[in-house]
């Protein structure tokens, strides 16, 4: 592995693998996911100077039955009273 040099270099430098995990509610389209991973990858290459092939992205989708806040599942939040 190599790291970025002290000189400004426009070429990506692989500094190891970069894994990005996205967790979101279900319902995004395939085109939205494609655009999200395209932009995340482009930003990682530009900001972190990594090779695009070093960037992996995992999208985890859940429903409101899989999330909770303040002790209440999201699916139940519209009917729950704050405590």
Protein backbone atom coordinates (compact mmCIF):
# COMPACT_ATOMS: atom_id res chain seq x y z
CA UNK A 1 0.00 0.00 0.00
CA UNK A 2 1.04 3.50 -0.63
CA UNK A 3 -0.16 6.75 0.86
CA UNK A 4 -0.71 10.17 -0.64
CA UNK A 5 2.50 12.04 -1.34
CA UNK A 6 3.26 15.46 0.10
CA UNK A 7 3.03 16.90 -3.40
CA UNK A 8 -0.36 17.59 -4.92
CA UNK A 9 -1.09 14.81 -7.35
CA UNK A 10 -4.30 14.52 -9.37
CA UNK A 11 -3.90 10.77 -9.73
CA UNK A 12 -5.66 8.59 -7.14
CA UNK A 13 -3.39 6.83 -4.69
CA UNK A 14 -4.63 3.62 -3.14
CA UNK A 15 -4.32 3.77 0.62
CA UNK A 16 -6.32 0.65 1.32
CA UNK A 17 -9.90 -0.40 1.08
CA UNK A 18 -12.69 2.01 1.90
CA UNK A 19 -16.06 0.53 2.82
CA UNK A 20 -19.13 2.75 3.12
CA UNK A 21 -22.31 1.43 4.71
CA UNK A 22 -25.64 3.13 4.06
CA UNK A 23 -28.63 2.20 6.20
CA UNK A 24 -31.98 3.58 5.11
CA UNK A 25 -35.67 2.85 4.96
CA UNK A 26 -36.76 0.70 2.03
CA UNK A 27 -38.21 2.35 -1.03
CA UNK A 28 -35.36 3.85 -3.01
CA UNK A 29 -35.37 3.04 -6.71
CA UNK A 30 -32.56 1.24 -8.46
CA UNK A 31 -31.69 4.47 -10.28
CA UNK A 32 -31.46 6.36 -6.97
CA UNK A 33 -29.10 3.69 -5.59
CA UNK A 34 -26.97 3.84 -8.73
CA UNK A 35 -26.66 7.62 -8.42
CA UNK A 36 -25.88 7.42 -4.70
CA UNK A 37 -23.04 4.93 -5.15
CA UNK A 38 -21.72 6.86 -8.16
CA UNK A 39 -21.56 10.09 -6.16
CA UNK A 40 -20.16 8.49 -2.99
CA UNK A 41 -17.45 6.81 -5.05
CA UNK A 42 -16.57 9.99 -6.96
CA UNK A 43 -16.39 12.01 -3.71
CA UNK A 44 -14.23 9.38 -1.99
CA UNK A 45 -11.82 9.36 -4.94
CA UNK A 46 -11.62 13.18 -4.97
CA UNK A 47 -11.41 13.80 -1.22
CA UNK A 48 -9.50 10.76 0.02
CA UNK A 49 -7.34 10.15 -3.09
CA UNK A 50 -8.24 6.48 -3.28
CA UNK A 51 -8.63 4.42 -6.41
CA UNK A 52 -12.28 3.97 -7.34
CA UNK A 53 -11.89 0.19 -7.24
CA UNK A 54 -10.84 0.46 -3.57
CA UNK A 55 -14.28 1.88 -2.70
CA UNK A 56 -17.00 -0.59 -1.75
CA UNK A 57 -20.50 0.43 -0.73
CA UNK A 58 -23.12 -1.63 1.06
CA UNK A 59 -26.76 -0.52 1.11
CA UNK A 60 -28.85 -1.97 3.93
CA UNK A 61 -32.57 -1.34 3.63
CA UNK A 62 -34.97 -1.69 6.51
CA UNK A 63 -38.63 -1.02 7.11
CA UNK A 64 -40.23 0.99 9.89
CA UNK A 65 -40.58 -2.24 11.85
CA UNK A 66 -36.76 -2.45 11.97
CA UNK A 67 -36.05 1.02 13.45
CA UNK A 68 -36.77 2.48 16.85
CA UNK A 69 -36.26 5.84 18.50
CA UNK A 70 -36.93 6.63 22.13
CA UNK A 71 -38.04 3.07 22.81
CA UNK A 72 -40.74 3.06 20.12
CA UNK A 73 -40.62 1.32 16.77
CA UNK A 74 -40.97 3.71 13.85
CA UNK A 75 -44.00 1.78 12.65
CA UNK A 76 -45.71 2.63 15.96
CA UNK A 77 -44.57 6.25 16.27
CA UNK A 78 -47.59 7.86 14.65
CA UNK A 79 -49.88 6.36 17.29
CA UNK A 80 -47.51 6.40 20.27
CA UNK A 81 -47.68 9.07 22.95
CA UNK A 82 -44.38 10.61 24.12
CA UNK A 83 -43.27 9.55 27.60
